[in-house]
Protein backbone atom coordinates (compact mmCIF):
# COMPACT_ATOMS: atom_id res chain seq x y z
CA MET A 1 -120.84 337.63 7.49
CA SER A 2 -122.00 335.23 10.19
CA ARG A 3 -122.38 336.15 13.85
CA LYS A 4 -120.41 334.30 16.50
CA SER A 5 -122.16 332.22 19.12
CA PRO A 6 -123.65 334.12 22.08
CA VAL A 7 -121.39 334.85 25.02
CA VAL A 8 -121.61 332.27 27.79
CA ILE A 9 -121.12 333.62 31.31
CA PRO A 10 -119.70 331.05 33.75
CA GLU A 11 -121.49 330.72 37.11
CA LYS A 12 -118.39 331.49 39.19
CA SER A 13 -117.13 334.44 37.13
CA PRO A 14 -116.43 337.70 39.00
CA ARG A 15 -119.33 340.18 38.96
CA LEU A 16 -119.34 343.95 39.41
CA VAL A 17 -121.96 346.71 39.47
CA GLY A 18 -121.33 349.94 37.57
CA MET A 19 -122.92 352.79 35.64
CA VAL A 20 -123.27 352.93 31.83
CA ASP A 21 -121.20 355.90 30.68
CA ARG A 22 -121.50 355.58 26.88
CA ASP A 23 -123.96 353.69 24.70
CA GLY A 24 -123.19 354.93 21.20
CA GLN A 25 -121.79 351.72 19.72
CA ASP A 26 -123.76 348.68 18.68
CA ARG A 27 -123.70 345.96 21.40
CA THR A 28 -120.94 347.74 23.33
CA ARG A 29 -121.29 349.80 26.49
CA ARG A 30 -118.67 351.68 28.47
CA VAL A 31 -119.26 351.00 32.18
CA VAL A 32 -117.64 353.02 34.96
CA ILE A 33 -117.08 351.38 38.34
CA SER A 34 -116.45 354.03 41.02
CA TYR A 35 -114.90 353.29 44.39
CA SER A 36 -112.95 354.98 47.19
CA ALA A 37 -109.42 353.95 48.07
CA ARG A 38 -107.13 355.07 50.86
CA HIS A 39 -104.06 357.03 49.76
CA PRO A 40 -100.94 355.06 50.72
CA ARG A 41 -99.01 357.98 52.19
CA TYR A 42 -101.55 360.55 53.36
CA GLY A 43 -104.41 358.27 54.42
CA LYS A 44 -107.10 360.39 52.77
CA TYR A 45 -109.79 358.52 50.88
CA VAL A 46 -109.68 359.42 47.19
CA ARG A 47 -112.17 358.59 44.43
CA ARG A 48 -111.00 356.04 41.90
CA ARG A 49 -112.73 354.54 38.90
CA THR A 50 -112.33 351.64 36.54
CA ILE A 51 -113.57 351.89 32.95
CA LEU A 52 -114.59 348.65 31.22
CA GLN A 53 -115.93 347.84 27.76
CA VAL A 54 -118.97 345.56 28.16
CA HIS A 55 -120.81 343.37 25.65
CA ASP A 56 -124.59 343.96 25.59
CA GLU A 57 -126.05 341.35 23.24
CA THR A 58 -129.56 342.86 23.11
CA ASN A 59 -128.68 346.60 23.20
CA ASP A 60 -131.03 346.86 26.18
CA SER A 61 -129.01 349.13 28.49
CA LYS A 62 -128.99 352.90 28.05
CA LEU A 63 -126.93 355.83 29.29
CA GLY A 64 -127.07 356.20 33.08
CA ASP A 65 -128.36 352.69 33.85
CA ARG A 66 -126.84 350.84 36.81
CA VAL A 67 -125.85 347.39 35.51
CA GLU A 68 -124.35 344.15 36.77
CA ILE A 69 -121.54 342.78 34.62
CA ALA A 70 -119.58 339.52 34.66
CA GLU A 71 -116.21 338.48 33.31
CA CYS A 72 -116.37 336.25 30.22
CA ARG A 73 -114.27 335.04 27.32
CA PRO A 74 -112.73 337.76 25.10
CA VAL A 75 -115.36 339.07 22.69
CA SER A 76 -113.06 341.57 20.97
CA ARG A 77 -109.76 343.30 21.56
CA THR A 78 -111.08 345.36 24.49
CA LYS A 79 -114.24 343.52 25.63
CA ARG A 80 -113.85 340.87 28.34
CA TRP A 81 -117.03 341.62 30.28
CA ALA A 82 -120.70 340.89 29.49
CA LEU A 83 -123.91 342.45 30.74
CA VAL A 84 -125.78 340.20 33.19
CA ARG A 85 -128.75 342.39 34.14
CA ILE A 86 -129.90 345.96 34.55
CA VAL A 87 -130.07 346.71 38.27
CA GLU A 88 -131.68 350.14 37.99
CA ARG A 89 -132.93 352.17 35.04
CA ALA A 90 -131.80 355.77 34.60
CA PRO A 91 -134.20 358.71 34.61
CA ILE A 92 -135.56 359.73 31.19
CA LYS A 93 -132.90 362.40 30.66
CA ALA A 94 -129.72 361.35 32.41
CA GLU A 95 -126.21 362.67 32.31
CA VAL A 96 -123.38 360.62 33.81
CA VAL A 97 -120.81 362.53 35.87
CA TYR A 98 -117.97 360.49 37.40
CA GLY A 99 -119.96 357.28 37.38
CA GLU A 100 -123.10 358.69 39.03
CA ALA A 101 -126.31 359.54 37.16
CA VAL A 102 -127.69 363.05 37.57
CA LYS A 103 -130.73 364.64 35.95
CA ALA A 104 -129.89 366.76 32.92
CA LYS A 105 -130.86 370.42 32.91
CA ASP A 106 -133.70 371.24 30.51
């Protein structure tokens, strides 16, 4: 079975920064983008998150890494985003809770 051509990321494609939540699959990462939004009726700021499937061609990112992703052509049924770069590496033992890396208890 032949591999498809590498994913090309256009220069003007939208880019986001998020945290790697899962890294169990080959070349696929689940990235969580956390943000605060104002509630329409009550005005309180509530935490929201967006979960995206991201293509990582080199399997370089790990659990808890902060990564920059960009929109690209569809790679599979659920993947429309590709990894651009790793902004910040996670600590050795990291556990992701609601999109933020915390040190795991020994």
